[in-house]
């Protein structure tokens, strides 16, 4: 099986990178330099009109969107136990991945680029503040879900990687996360996992290569 993961530093493509690593999968990572707009190149648009990452290519067949990619990884590598075994809990885990992707991620994207939703001058700070309030509300929900727990379920599962990205990205925007102690503990726990350390090392190397090539 030939597995390729299209990836860009800092993006949510880190989630399937981590789960593929946890699964012990052999995969090739193809980094895209968003700073050079490689995701908007004719070559990439020809294979992925959504011009996003992650994109998984398995034996030439393409799959986009983290909700689908995470399920494919879990089903293809069942011994990794990347989703709960109980059917109801499995659906709850998929729901969490979806929530990270559609309920939190879009507001982080707005904080990063308010002009993507409104190009009226002098509105940027107001837009960022409203988006941040929504992110805080979501983190409060996660704070309660993680109360007394190391992970969202009784062990590490795929949605932990997606939420890790959300909390990490929020920290990169200097949002005040000090009140979310359970989320912070989860973040710290994730960063101690070998799969996450591998991802962070890889990200650092890719960023250095992009910087040197600039």
N, C-alpha and C. Protein backbone atom coordinates (compact mmCIF):
# COMPACT_ATOMS: atom_id res chain seq x y z
N UNK A 1 0.84 -1.19 0.00
CA UNK A 1 0.00 0.00 0.00
C UNK A 1 0.88 1.25 0.00
N UNK A 2 0.62 2.15 -0.93
CA UNK A 2 1.38 3.40 -1.03
C UNK A 2 0.54 4.54 -0.46
N UNK A 3 1.00 5.12 0.66
CA UNK A 3 0.27 6.18 1.34
C UNK A 3 1.07 7.47 1.26
N UNK A 4 0.42 8.52 0.77
CA UNK A 4 1.03 9.84 0.72
C UNK A 4 0.15 10.82 1.49
N UNK A 5 0.79 11.65 2.28
CA UNK A 5 0.08 12.69 3.05
C UNK A 5 0.58 14.05 2.60
N UNK A 6 -0.31 14.83 1.99
CA UNK A 6 0.02 16.22 1.66
C UNK A 6 -0.20 17.05 2.92
N UNK A 7 0.80 17.87 3.22
CA UNK A 7 0.93 18.46 4.55
C UNK A 7 1.52 19.86 4.42
N UNK A 8 1.20 20.73 5.36
CA UNK A 8 1.88 22.03 5.48
C UNK A 8 2.11 22.31 6.96
N UNK A 9 3.26 22.89 7.30
CA UNK A 9 3.55 23.19 8.71
C UNK A 9 2.46 24.06 9.33
N UNK A 10 2.23 23.84 10.60
CA UNK A 10 1.29 24.59 11.44
C UNK A 10 -0.16 24.17 11.21
N UNK A 11 -0.48 23.61 10.05
CA UNK A 11 -1.87 23.32 9.71
C UNK A 11 -2.39 22.07 10.42
N UNK A 12 -3.69 21.84 10.27
CA UNK A 12 -4.34 20.69 10.89
C UNK A 12 -3.93 19.37 10.23
N UNK A 13 -3.09 19.43 9.20
CA UNK A 13 -2.55 18.20 8.62
C UNK A 13 -1.67 17.45 9.61
N UNK A 14 -1.33 18.11 10.71
CA UNK A 14 -0.54 17.40 11.73
C UNK A 14 -1.34 16.27 12.36
N UNK A 15 -2.68 16.39 12.38
CA UNK A 15 -3.51 15.37 13.04
C UNK A 15 -3.35 14.00 12.38
N UNK A 16 -3.55 13.86 11.06
CA UNK A 16 -3.34 12.54 10.46
C UNK A 16 -1.89 12.11 10.43
N UNK A 17 -0.95 13.07 10.44
CA UNK A 17 0.46 12.70 10.55
C UNK A 17 0.67 11.94 11.86
N UNK A 18 0.08 12.46 12.94
CA UNK A 18 0.24 11.82 14.25
C UNK A 18 -0.45 10.46 14.28
N UNK A 19 -1.67 10.38 13.76
CA UNK A 19 -2.38 9.10 13.82
C UNK A 19 -1.74 8.05 12.92
N UNK A 20 -1.25 8.45 11.76
CA UNK A 20 -0.52 7.50 10.91
C UNK A 20 0.72 6.98 11.63
N UNK A 21 1.39 7.88 12.35
CA UNK A 21 2.58 7.47 13.11
C UNK A 21 2.19 6.53 14.24
N UNK A 22 1.11 6.86 14.94
CA UNK A 22 0.62 5.99 16.02
C UNK A 22 0.26 4.61 15.48
N UNK A 23 -0.24 4.57 14.25
CA UNK A 23 -0.66 3.31 13.64
C UNK A 23 0.52 2.48 13.14
N UNK A 24 1.70 3.08 13.13
CA UNK A 24 2.86 2.38 12.60
C UNK A 24 2.85 2.27 11.09
N UNK A 25 2.10 3.15 10.44
CA UNK A 25 1.97 3.10 8.98
C UNK A 25 3.23 3.64 8.31
N UNK A 26 3.57 3.07 7.18
CA UNK A 26 4.61 3.62 6.34
C UNK A 26 3.95 4.60 5.38
N UNK A 27 4.39 5.86 5.41
CA UNK A 27 3.76 6.86 4.55
C UNK A 27 4.79 7.91 4.15
N UNK A 28 4.54 8.50 3.00
CA UNK A 28 5.36 9.58 2.48
C UNK A 28 4.66 10.91 2.76
N UNK A 29 5.39 11.85 3.30
CA UNK A 29 4.81 13.16 3.55
C UNK A 29 5.29 14.13 2.47
N UNK A 30 4.34 14.82 1.85
CA UNK A 30 4.66 15.78 0.79
C UNK A 30 4.33 17.18 1.32
N UNK A 31 5.35 17.94 1.74
CA UNK A 31 5.10 19.27 2.31
C UNK A 31 4.78 20.30 1.23
N UNK A 32 3.83 21.15 1.53
CA UNK A 32 3.50 22.28 0.67
C UNK A 32 3.86 23.57 1.40
N UNK A 33 4.48 24.48 0.69
CA UNK A 33 4.88 25.76 1.26
C UNK A 33 3.75 26.76 1.04
N UNK A 34 2.94 26.98 2.05
CA UNK A 34 1.82 27.91 1.91
C UNK A 34 2.32 29.34 1.73
N UNK A 35 3.49 29.65 2.31
CA UNK A 35 4.05 30.98 2.14
C UNK A 35 4.36 31.29 0.69
N UNK A 36 4.70 30.26 -0.06
CA UNK A 36 4.94 30.40 -1.49
C UNK A 36 3.70 30.04 -2.31
N UNK A 37 2.59 29.81 -1.62
CA UNK A 37 1.28 29.53 -2.24
C UNK A 37 1.34 28.29 -3.14
N UNK A 38 2.10 27.30 -2.69
CA UNK A 38 2.16 26.05 -3.47
C UNK A 38 0.80 25.35 -3.51
N UNK A 39 -0.02 25.60 -2.50
CA UNK A 39 -1.35 24.97 -2.49
C UNK A 39 -2.27 25.56 -3.56
N UNK A 40 -1.88 26.72 -4.12
CA UNK A 40 -2.66 27.34 -5.17
C UNK A 40 -2.03 27.17 -6.54
N UNK A 41 -1.01 26.35 -6.60
CA UNK A 41 -0.33 26.13 -7.88
C UNK A 41 -1.23 25.31 -8.81
N UNK A 42 -1.06 25.47 -10.11
CA UNK A 42 -1.86 24.67 -11.05
C UNK A 42 -1.69 23.17 -10.83
N UNK A 43 -0.48 22.77 -10.43
CA UNK A 43 -0.20 21.34 -10.22
C UNK A 43 -1.02 20.79 -9.06
N UNK A 44 -1.08 21.56 -7.95
CA UNK A 44 -1.84 21.06 -6.81
C UNK A 44 -3.34 21.19 -7.03
N UNK A 45 -3.77 22.27 -7.65
CA UNK A 45 -5.19 22.44 -7.92
C UNK A 45 -5.72 21.35 -8.85
N UNK A 46 -4.84 20.84 -9.69
CA UNK A 46 -5.26 19.78 -10.61
C UNK A 46 -5.61 18.50 -9.88
N UNK A 47 -4.96 18.26 -8.73
CA UNK A 47 -5.25 17.05 -7.97
C UNK A 47 -6.14 17.31 -6.77
N UNK A 48 -6.21 18.57 -6.32
CA UNK A 48 -7.06 18.91 -5.19
C UNK A 48 -7.63 20.32 -5.37
N UNK A 49 -8.77 20.43 -6.05
CA UNK A 49 -9.38 21.74 -6.28
C UNK A 49 -9.73 22.49 -5.00
N UNK A 50 -9.83 21.77 -3.88
CA UNK A 50 -10.12 22.45 -2.60
C UNK A 50 -8.93 23.26 -2.12
N UNK A 51 -7.76 23.01 -2.68
CA UNK A 51 -6.49 23.67 -2.34
C UNK A 51 -6.22 23.72 -0.83
N UNK A 52 -6.50 22.57 -0.18
CA UNK A 52 -6.28 22.49 1.26
C UNK A 52 -5.39 21.30 1.59
N UNK A 53 -4.96 21.27 2.83
CA UNK A 53 -4.36 20.08 3.43
C UNK A 53 -5.12 19.82 4.72
N UNK A 54 -5.13 18.58 5.18
CA UNK A 54 -4.46 17.41 4.61
C UNK A 54 -5.18 16.84 3.40
N UNK A 55 -4.41 16.16 2.58
CA UNK A 55 -4.98 15.28 1.57
C UNK A 55 -4.21 13.97 1.63
N UNK A 56 -4.94 12.89 1.70
CA UNK A 56 -4.35 11.56 1.74
C UNK A 56 -4.53 10.92 0.36
N UNK A 57 -3.46 10.34 -0.15
CA UNK A 57 -3.53 9.62 -1.41
C UNK A 57 -3.09 8.19 -1.16
N UNK A 58 -3.97 7.25 -1.40
CA UNK A 58 -3.71 5.84 -1.12
C UNK A 58 -3.78 5.07 -2.44
N UNK A 59 -2.63 4.59 -2.87
CA UNK A 59 -2.57 3.87 -4.16
C UNK A 59 -3.24 4.68 -5.27
N UNK A 60 -3.01 5.98 -5.24
CA UNK A 60 -3.53 6.85 -6.29
C UNK A 60 -4.93 7.40 -6.06
N UNK A 61 -5.61 6.90 -5.03
CA UNK A 61 -6.97 7.38 -4.72
C UNK A 61 -6.90 8.46 -3.65
N UNK A 62 -7.57 9.59 -3.90
CA UNK A 62 -7.46 10.76 -3.03
C UNK A 62 -8.59 10.82 -1.99
N UNK A 63 -8.24 11.32 -0.82
CA UNK A 63 -9.22 11.52 0.25
C UNK A 63 -8.86 12.81 0.97
N UNK A 64 -9.86 13.70 1.12
CA UNK A 64 -9.66 14.95 1.85
C UNK A 64 -10.60 15.00 3.05
N UNK A 65 -10.37 15.98 3.90
CA UNK A 65 -11.15 16.27 5.12
C UNK A 65 -10.74 15.33 6.26
N UNK A 66 -10.37 15.94 7.36
CA UNK A 66 -9.87 15.18 8.50
C UNK A 66 -10.87 14.16 9.04
N UNK A 67 -12.16 14.49 9.01
CA UNK A 67 -13.16 13.56 9.53
C UNK A 67 -13.08 12.23 8.79
N UNK A 68 -12.95 12.29 7.47
CA UNK A 68 -12.87 11.08 6.66
C UNK A 68 -11.51 10.42 6.77
N UNK A 69 -10.45 11.23 6.74
CA UNK A 69 -9.09 10.68 6.79
C UNK A 69 -8.85 9.93 8.09
N UNK A 70 -9.29 10.51 9.21
CA UNK A 70 -9.07 9.85 10.49
C UNK A 70 -9.81 8.51 10.56
N UNK A 71 -11.01 8.45 9.98
CA UNK A 71 -11.73 7.19 9.99
C UNK A 71 -11.05 6.16 9.10
N UNK A 72 -10.51 6.60 7.96
CA UNK A 72 -9.81 5.66 7.09
C UNK A 72 -8.60 5.07 7.81
N UNK A 73 -7.85 5.92 8.49
CA UNK A 73 -6.66 5.43 9.20
C UNK A 73 -7.06 4.42 10.27
N UNK A 74 -8.11 4.76 11.03
CA UNK A 74 -8.55 3.87 12.12
C UNK A 74 -9.03 2.53 11.57
N UNK A 75 -9.76 2.54 10.47
CA UNK A 75 -10.28 1.29 9.89
C UNK A 75 -9.17 0.46 9.25
N UNK A 76 -8.19 1.14 8.66
CA UNK A 76 -7.14 0.43 7.94
C UNK A 76 -6.11 -0.17 8.89
N UNK A 77 -5.97 0.45 10.06
CA UNK A 77 -5.00 -0.04 11.05
C UNK A 77 -5.72 -0.29 12.38
N UNK A 78 -6.59 -1.28 12.42
CA UNK A 78 -7.43 -1.49 13.61
C UNK A 78 -6.65 -1.81 14.87
N UNK A 79 -5.47 -2.41 14.73
CA UNK A 79 -4.69 -2.76 15.91
C UNK A 79 -4.21 -1.53 16.67
N UNK A 80 -4.20 -0.38 16.02
CA UNK A 80 -3.76 0.85 16.68
C UNK A 80 -4.82 1.41 17.62
N UNK A 81 -6.06 0.92 17.51
CA UNK A 81 -7.15 1.35 18.41
C UNK A 81 -7.32 2.87 18.40
N UNK A 82 -7.39 3.44 17.23
CA UNK A 82 -7.47 4.89 17.11
C UNK A 82 -8.88 5.43 17.31
N UNK A 83 -9.87 4.55 17.35
CA UNK A 83 -11.23 4.93 17.71
C UNK A 83 -11.73 3.94 18.76
N UNK A 84 -12.64 4.36 19.62
CA UNK A 84 -13.16 3.44 20.64
C UNK A 84 -13.82 2.22 20.00
N UNK A 85 -13.77 1.11 20.71
CA UNK A 85 -14.36 -0.13 20.20
C UNK A 85 -15.88 -0.11 20.29
N UNK A 86 -16.41 0.49 21.33
CA UNK A 86 -17.86 0.57 21.49
C UNK A 86 -18.45 1.43 20.37
N UNK A 87 -19.51 0.95 19.74
CA UNK A 87 -20.09 1.63 18.59
C UNK A 87 -20.55 3.05 18.90
N UNK A 88 -21.19 3.24 20.05
CA UNK A 88 -21.67 4.58 20.42
C UNK A 88 -20.51 5.52 20.69
N UNK A 89 -19.51 5.02 21.39
CA UNK A 89 -18.33 5.86 21.67
C UNK A 89 -17.56 6.17 20.39
N UNK A 90 -17.57 5.22 19.45
CA UNK A 90 -16.91 5.49 18.16
C UNK A 90 -17.57 6.68 17.47
N UNK A 91 -18.89 6.71 17.48
CA UNK A 91 -19.60 7.83 16.88
C UNK A 91 -19.32 9.13 17.64
N UNK A 92 -19.22 9.04 18.95
CA UNK A 92 -18.89 10.22 19.75
C UNK A 92 -17.51 10.74 19.38
N UNK A 93 -16.57 9.83 19.12
CA UNK A 93 -15.22 10.23 18.73
C UNK A 93 -15.23 10.92 17.37
N UNK A 94 -15.98 10.35 16.42
CA UNK A 94 -16.11 10.98 15.11
C UNK A 94 -16.75 12.36 15.25
N UNK A 95 -17.72 12.47 16.15
CA UNK A 95 -18.37 13.75 16.41
C UNK A 95 -17.35 14.77 16.92
N UNK A 96 -16.44 14.35 17.77
CA UNK A 96 -15.42 15.26 18.29
C UNK A 96 -14.48 15.73 17.19
N UNK A 97 -14.08 14.82 16.30
CA UNK A 97 -13.23 15.22 15.17
C UNK A 97 -13.97 16.24 14.31
N UNK A 98 -15.25 15.99 14.06
CA UNK A 98 -16.06 16.91 13.27
C UNK A 98 -16.18 18.27 13.95
N UNK A 99 -16.37 18.25 15.25
CA UNK A 99 -16.49 19.50 16.03
C UNK A 99 -15.21 20.32 15.93
N UNK A 100 -14.07 19.66 16.05
CA UNK A 100 -12.79 20.37 15.91
C UNK A 100 -12.67 20.98 14.52
N UNK A 101 -13.09 20.22 13.51
CA UNK A 101 -12.92 20.65 12.12
C UNK A 101 -13.91 21.75 11.71
N UNK A 102 -15.15 21.63 12.18
CA UNK A 102 -16.19 22.56 11.71
C UNK A 102 -16.66 23.55 12.78
N UNK A 103 -16.39 23.24 14.05
CA UNK A 103 -16.86 24.10 15.13
C UNK A 103 -15.81 25.00 15.73
N UNK A 104 -14.54 24.59 15.65
CA UNK A 104 -13.45 25.38 16.24
C UNK A 104 -12.54 25.94 15.15
N UNK A 105 -12.11 25.08 14.24
CA UNK A 105 -11.15 25.46 13.22
C UNK A 105 -11.56 26.71 12.43
N UNK A 106 -12.81 26.84 11.96
CA UNK A 106 -13.16 28.03 11.18
C UNK A 106 -12.94 29.34 11.93
N UNK A 107 -13.14 29.34 13.24
CA UNK A 107 -12.95 30.56 14.01
C UNK A 107 -11.48 30.86 14.23
N UNK A 108 -10.66 29.83 14.33
CA UNK A 108 -9.22 30.05 14.39
C UNK A 108 -8.74 30.63 13.06
N UNK A 109 -9.32 30.15 11.97
CA UNK A 109 -8.99 30.68 10.65
C UNK A 109 -9.36 32.16 10.55
N UNK A 110 -10.50 32.54 11.12
CA UNK A 110 -10.91 33.94 11.10
C UNK A 110 -9.95 34.80 11.92
N UNK A 111 -9.52 34.30 13.06
CA UNK A 111 -8.55 35.04 13.87
C UNK A 111 -7.27 35.27 13.08
N UNK A 112 -6.86 34.26 12.35
CA UNK A 112 -5.63 34.36 11.56
C UNK A 112 -5.79 35.32 10.38
N UNK A 113 -6.99 35.37 9.79
CA UNK A 113 -7.20 36.23 8.63
C UNK A 113 -8.59 36.79 8.59
N UNK A 114 -8.89 37.83 9.39
CA UNK A 114 -10.26 38.39 9.42
C UNK A 114 -10.73 38.93 8.07
N UNK A 115 -9.80 39.30 7.21
CA UNK A 115 -10.19 39.83 5.89
C UNK A 115 -10.83 38.75 5.02
N UNK A 116 -10.69 37.47 5.43
CA UNK A 116 -11.32 36.40 4.66
C UNK A 116 -12.84 36.42 4.79
N UNK A 117 -13.34 37.07 5.85
CA UNK A 117 -14.78 37.13 6.04
C UNK A 117 -15.34 38.54 5.95
N UNK A 118 -14.47 39.54 6.05
CA UNK A 118 -14.93 40.93 5.95
C UNK A 118 -13.75 41.82 5.56
N UNK A 119 -13.92 42.57 4.47
CA UNK A 119 -12.82 43.43 4.00
C UNK A 119 -13.06 44.90 4.31
N UNK A 120 -13.99 45.19 5.21
CA UNK A 120 -14.24 46.58 5.63
C UNK A 120 -13.10 47.01 6.54
N UNK A 121 -12.51 48.15 6.26
CA UNK A 121 -11.38 48.62 7.04
C UNK A 121 -11.76 48.86 8.50
N UNK A 122 -10.81 48.67 9.38
CA UNK A 122 -10.94 48.90 10.83
C UNK A 122 -11.87 47.91 11.53
N UNK A 123 -12.17 46.80 10.87
CA UNK A 123 -13.03 45.80 11.51
C UNK A 123 -12.25 44.60 12.02
N UNK A 124 -10.95 44.54 11.69
CA UNK A 124 -10.18 43.34 11.98
C UNK A 124 -10.20 42.96 13.46
N UNK A 125 -9.97 43.93 14.33
CA UNK A 125 -9.88 43.62 15.75
C UNK A 125 -11.22 43.15 16.30
N UNK A 126 -12.28 43.79 15.86
CA UNK A 126 -13.62 43.39 16.30
C UNK A 126 -13.94 41.97 15.86
N UNK A 127 -13.59 41.63 14.63
CA UNK A 127 -13.83 40.28 14.12
C UNK A 127 -13.02 39.27 14.92
N UNK A 128 -11.75 39.58 15.16
CA UNK A 128 -10.90 38.67 15.93
C UNK A 128 -11.47 38.45 17.34
N UNK A 129 -11.95 39.51 17.96
CA UNK A 129 -12.47 39.38 19.32
C UNK A 129 -13.71 38.50 19.36
N UNK A 130 -14.60 38.66 18.39
CA UNK A 130 -15.81 37.82 18.35
C UNK A 130 -15.44 36.35 18.08
N UNK A 131 -14.49 36.13 17.20
CA UNK A 131 -14.06 34.75 16.92
C UNK A 131 -13.40 34.14 18.15
N UNK A 132 -12.62 34.93 18.85
CA UNK A 132 -11.94 34.43 20.06
C UNK A 132 -12.96 34.03 21.12
N UNK A 133 -14.02 34.80 21.26
CA UNK A 133 -15.04 34.45 22.25
C UNK A 133 -15.66 33.09 21.94
N UNK A 134 -15.87 32.81 20.66
CA UNK A 134 -16.41 31.51 20.29
C UNK A 134 -15.41 30.40 20.60
N UNK A 135 -14.14 30.65 20.33
CA UNK A 135 -13.11 29.65 20.64
C UNK A 135 -13.06 29.38 22.14
N UNK A 136 -13.15 30.44 22.94
CA UNK A 136 -13.16 30.26 24.40
C UNK A 136 -14.36 29.41 24.83
N UNK A 137 -15.49 29.66 24.22
CA UNK A 137 -16.69 28.87 24.56
C UNK A 137 -16.46 27.39 24.26
N UNK A 138 -15.85 27.10 23.12
CA UNK A 138 -15.56 25.71 22.75
C UNK A 138 -14.56 25.08 23.71
N UNK A 139 -13.56 25.83 24.10
CA UNK A 139 -12.56 25.30 25.02
C UNK A 139 -13.16 25.04 26.40
N UNK A 140 -14.16 25.82 26.77
CA UNK A 140 -14.84 25.57 28.04
C UNK A 140 -15.59 24.24 27.97
N UNK A 141 -16.18 23.94 26.82
CA UNK A 141 -16.84 22.65 26.63
C UNK A 141 -15.82 21.52 26.73
N UNK A 142 -14.68 21.69 26.06
CA UNK A 142 -13.63 20.68 26.11
C UNK A 142 -13.07 20.53 27.53
N UNK A 143 -13.00 21.65 28.24
CA UNK A 143 -12.52 21.63 29.62
C UNK A 143 -13.39 20.69 30.47
N UNK A 144 -14.68 20.75 30.27
CA UNK A 144 -15.60 19.89 31.01
C UNK A 144 -15.49 18.44 30.54
N UNK A 145 -15.33 18.24 29.24
CA UNK A 145 -15.20 16.88 28.71
C UNK A 145 -13.94 16.19 29.23
N UNK A 146 -12.91 16.97 29.48
CA UNK A 146 -11.63 16.41 29.93
C UNK A 146 -11.49 16.38 31.45
N UNK A 147 -12.50 16.80 32.16
CA UNK A 147 -12.40 16.85 33.62
C UNK A 147 -12.15 15.46 34.20
N UNK A 148 -11.05 15.32 34.90
CA UNK A 148 -10.70 14.05 35.53
C UNK A 148 -10.20 13.00 34.56
N UNK A 149 -9.89 13.38 33.32
CA UNK A 149 -9.49 12.41 32.29
C UNK A 149 -8.18 12.84 31.64
N UNK A 150 -7.42 11.85 31.19
CA UNK A 150 -6.19 12.14 30.48
C UNK A 150 -6.46 12.45 29.02
N UNK A 151 -7.42 11.73 28.44
CA UNK A 151 -7.79 11.93 27.05
C UNK A 151 -9.32 12.00 26.97
N UNK A 152 -9.87 12.24 25.79
CA UNK A 152 -11.31 12.38 25.68
C UNK A 152 -12.04 11.07 25.99
N UNK A 153 -11.36 9.94 25.74
CA UNK A 153 -11.92 8.64 26.11
C UNK A 153 -10.96 8.00 27.11
N UNK A 154 -11.10 6.71 27.35
CA UNK A 154 -10.28 6.11 28.41
C UNK A 154 -8.84 5.83 27.97
N UNK A 155 -8.51 6.24 26.76
CA UNK A 155 -7.15 6.13 26.24
C UNK A 155 -7.02 7.10 25.07
N UNK A 156 -5.82 7.23 24.55
CA UNK A 156 -5.59 8.07 23.37
C UNK A 156 -6.41 7.56 22.18
N UNK A 157 -7.07 8.48 21.49
CA UNK A 157 -7.78 8.15 20.25
C UNK A 157 -7.59 9.31 19.27
N UNK A 158 -8.08 9.11 18.05
CA UNK A 158 -7.87 10.08 16.98
C UNK A 158 -8.30 11.51 17.32
N UNK A 159 -9.46 11.73 17.95
CA UNK A 159 -9.86 13.12 18.20
C UNK A 159 -8.90 13.88 19.10
N UNK A 160 -8.10 13.17 19.88
CA UNK A 160 -7.11 13.87 20.69
C UNK A 160 -6.14 14.65 19.82
N UNK A 161 -5.83 14.13 18.63
CA UNK A 161 -4.89 14.82 17.75
C UNK A 161 -5.52 16.08 17.17
N UNK A 162 -6.79 16.02 16.84
CA UNK A 162 -7.46 17.20 16.26
C UNK A 162 -7.62 18.31 17.29
N UNK A 163 -7.97 17.93 18.51
CA UNK A 163 -8.10 18.96 19.53
C UNK A 163 -6.73 19.52 19.90
N UNK A 164 -5.72 18.67 19.91
CA UNK A 164 -4.36 19.15 20.16
C UNK A 164 -4.01 20.27 19.18
N UNK A 165 -4.34 20.08 17.89
CA UNK A 165 -4.05 21.12 16.91
C UNK A 165 -4.81 22.40 17.24
N UNK A 166 -6.09 22.28 17.58
CA UNK A 166 -6.89 23.47 17.89
C UNK A 166 -6.30 24.26 19.05
N UNK A 167 -5.94 23.57 20.12
CA UNK A 167 -5.42 24.26 21.29
C UNK A 167 -4.04 24.85 20.99
N UNK A 168 -3.24 24.14 20.24
CA UNK A 168 -1.93 24.64 19.85
C UNK A 168 -2.06 25.90 18.99
N UNK A 169 -2.98 25.86 18.02
CA UNK A 169 -3.15 27.01 17.13
C UNK A 169 -3.63 28.21 17.91
N UNK A 170 -4.53 28.02 18.85
CA UNK A 170 -5.01 29.13 19.66
C UNK A 170 -3.85 29.76 20.44
N UNK A 171 -2.95 28.93 20.95
CA UNK A 171 -1.79 29.44 21.67
C UNK A 171 -0.87 30.25 20.77
N UNK A 172 -0.80 29.89 19.51
CA UNK A 172 0.03 30.63 18.56
C UNK A 172 -0.53 32.01 18.26
N UNK A 173 -1.81 32.23 18.57
CA UNK A 173 -2.43 33.54 18.40
C UNK A 173 -2.42 34.34 19.70
N UNK A 174 -1.72 33.81 20.69
CA UNK A 174 -1.62 34.49 21.99
C UNK A 174 -2.97 34.71 22.65
N UNK A 175 -3.89 33.80 22.43
CA UNK A 175 -5.15 33.87 23.18
C UNK A 175 -4.87 33.51 24.64
N UNK A 176 -5.67 34.05 25.52
CA UNK A 176 -5.50 33.77 26.95
C UNK A 176 -6.13 32.42 27.28
N UNK A 177 -5.30 31.41 27.44
CA UNK A 177 -5.79 30.06 27.68
C UNK A 177 -5.57 29.61 29.12
N UNK A 178 -5.24 30.55 29.99
CA UNK A 178 -4.82 30.20 31.35
C UNK A 178 -5.93 29.53 32.17
N UNK A 179 -7.18 29.78 31.83
CA UNK A 179 -8.26 29.20 32.64
C UNK A 179 -8.60 27.77 32.23
N UNK A 180 -8.03 27.30 31.13
CA UNK A 180 -8.37 25.97 30.62
C UNK A 180 -7.31 24.96 31.05
N UNK A 181 -7.31 24.67 32.34
CA UNK A 181 -6.24 23.84 32.90
C UNK A 181 -6.30 22.40 32.42
N UNK A 182 -7.50 21.86 32.23
CA UNK A 182 -7.61 20.49 31.73
C UNK A 182 -7.15 20.40 30.28
N UNK A 183 -7.50 21.41 29.49
CA UNK A 183 -7.06 21.45 28.09
C UNK A 183 -5.54 21.58 28.02
N UNK A 184 -4.98 22.39 28.90
CA UNK A 184 -3.53 22.56 28.91
C UNK A 184 -2.83 21.27 29.32
N UNK A 185 -3.39 20.58 30.30
CA UNK A 185 -2.81 19.30 30.72
C UNK A 185 -2.87 18.28 29.59
N UNK A 186 -3.98 18.28 28.85
CA UNK A 186 -4.11 17.40 27.68
C UNK A 186 -3.07 17.75 26.64
N UNK A 187 -2.88 19.03 26.38
CA UNK A 187 -1.88 19.50 25.41
C UNK A 187 -0.48 19.03 25.82
N UNK A 188 -0.15 19.23 27.09
CA UNK A 188 1.17 18.82 27.58
C UNK A 188 1.36 17.32 27.48
N UNK A 189 0.30 16.58 27.78
CA UNK A 189 0.35 15.11 27.70
C UNK A 189 0.58 14.68 26.25
N UNK A 190 -0.10 15.33 25.34
CA UNK A 190 0.08 15.01 23.92
C UNK A 190 1.52 15.27 23.48
N UNK A 191 2.09 16.34 23.94
CA UNK A 191 3.45 16.69 23.50
C UNK A 191 4.50 15.74 24.06
N UNK A 192 4.14 14.92 24.99
CA UNK A 192 5.07 13.91 25.50
C UNK A 192 4.99 12.60 24.71
N UNK A 193 3.99 12.47 23.85
CA UNK A 193 3.87 11.25 23.05
C UNK A 193 4.94 11.23 21.96
N UNK A 194 5.48 10.05 21.70
CA UNK A 194 6.55 9.92 20.70
C UNK A 194 6.07 10.36 19.32
N UNK A 195 4.81 10.08 18.99
CA UNK A 195 4.28 10.45 17.68
C UNK A 195 4.23 11.97 17.51
N UNK A 196 3.90 12.67 18.58
CA UNK A 196 3.83 14.13 18.50
C UNK A 196 5.24 14.72 18.45
N UNK A 197 6.16 14.17 19.21
CA UNK A 197 7.54 14.65 19.15
C UNK A 197 8.11 14.45 17.74
N UNK A 198 7.77 13.32 17.12
CA UNK A 198 8.22 13.09 15.75
C UNK A 198 7.64 14.14 14.81
N UNK A 199 6.35 14.45 14.98
CA UNK A 199 5.71 15.47 14.16
C UNK A 199 6.39 16.83 14.35
N UNK A 200 6.65 17.20 15.58
CA UNK A 200 7.25 18.50 15.85
C UNK A 200 8.66 18.61 15.28
N UNK A 201 9.42 17.53 15.36
CA UNK A 201 10.76 17.51 14.76
C UNK A 201 10.66 17.66 13.24
N UNK A 202 9.72 16.94 12.65
CA UNK A 202 9.52 17.02 11.20
C UNK A 202 9.10 18.42 10.79
N UNK A 203 8.17 19.00 11.52
CA UNK A 203 7.71 20.35 11.22
C UNK A 203 8.86 21.35 11.27
N UNK A 204 9.71 21.22 12.27
CA UNK A 204 10.84 22.13 12.41
C UNK A 204 11.79 22.01 11.21
N UNK A 205 12.03 20.79 10.76
CA UNK A 205 12.92 20.58 9.61
C UNK A 205 12.31 21.18 8.34
N UNK A 206 11.02 20.96 8.15
CA UNK A 206 10.36 21.48 6.95
C UNK A 206 10.37 23.00 6.96
N UNK A 207 10.08 23.61 8.09
CA UNK A 207 10.09 25.07 8.18
C UNK A 207 11.49 25.63 7.88
N UNK A 208 12.52 24.94 8.37
CA UNK A 208 13.88 25.38 8.10
C UNK A 208 14.20 25.28 6.62
N UNK A 209 13.76 24.20 5.99
CA UNK A 209 13.99 24.05 4.55
C UNK A 209 13.27 25.13 3.76
N UNK A 210 12.03 25.43 4.14
CA UNK A 210 11.28 26.48 3.46
C UNK A 210 11.96 27.84 3.64
N UNK A 211 12.46 28.08 4.85
CA UNK A 211 13.12 29.35 5.13
C UNK A 211 14.40 29.51 4.32
N UNK A 212 15.16 28.42 4.23
CA UNK A 212 16.42 28.47 3.49
C UNK A 212 16.19 28.65 1.99
N UNK A 213 15.04 28.17 1.54
CA UNK A 213 14.74 28.24 0.11
C UNK A 213 14.15 29.59 -0.28
N UNK A 214 13.78 30.40 0.72
CA UNK A 214 13.13 31.69 0.42
C UNK A 214 14.09 32.68 -0.21
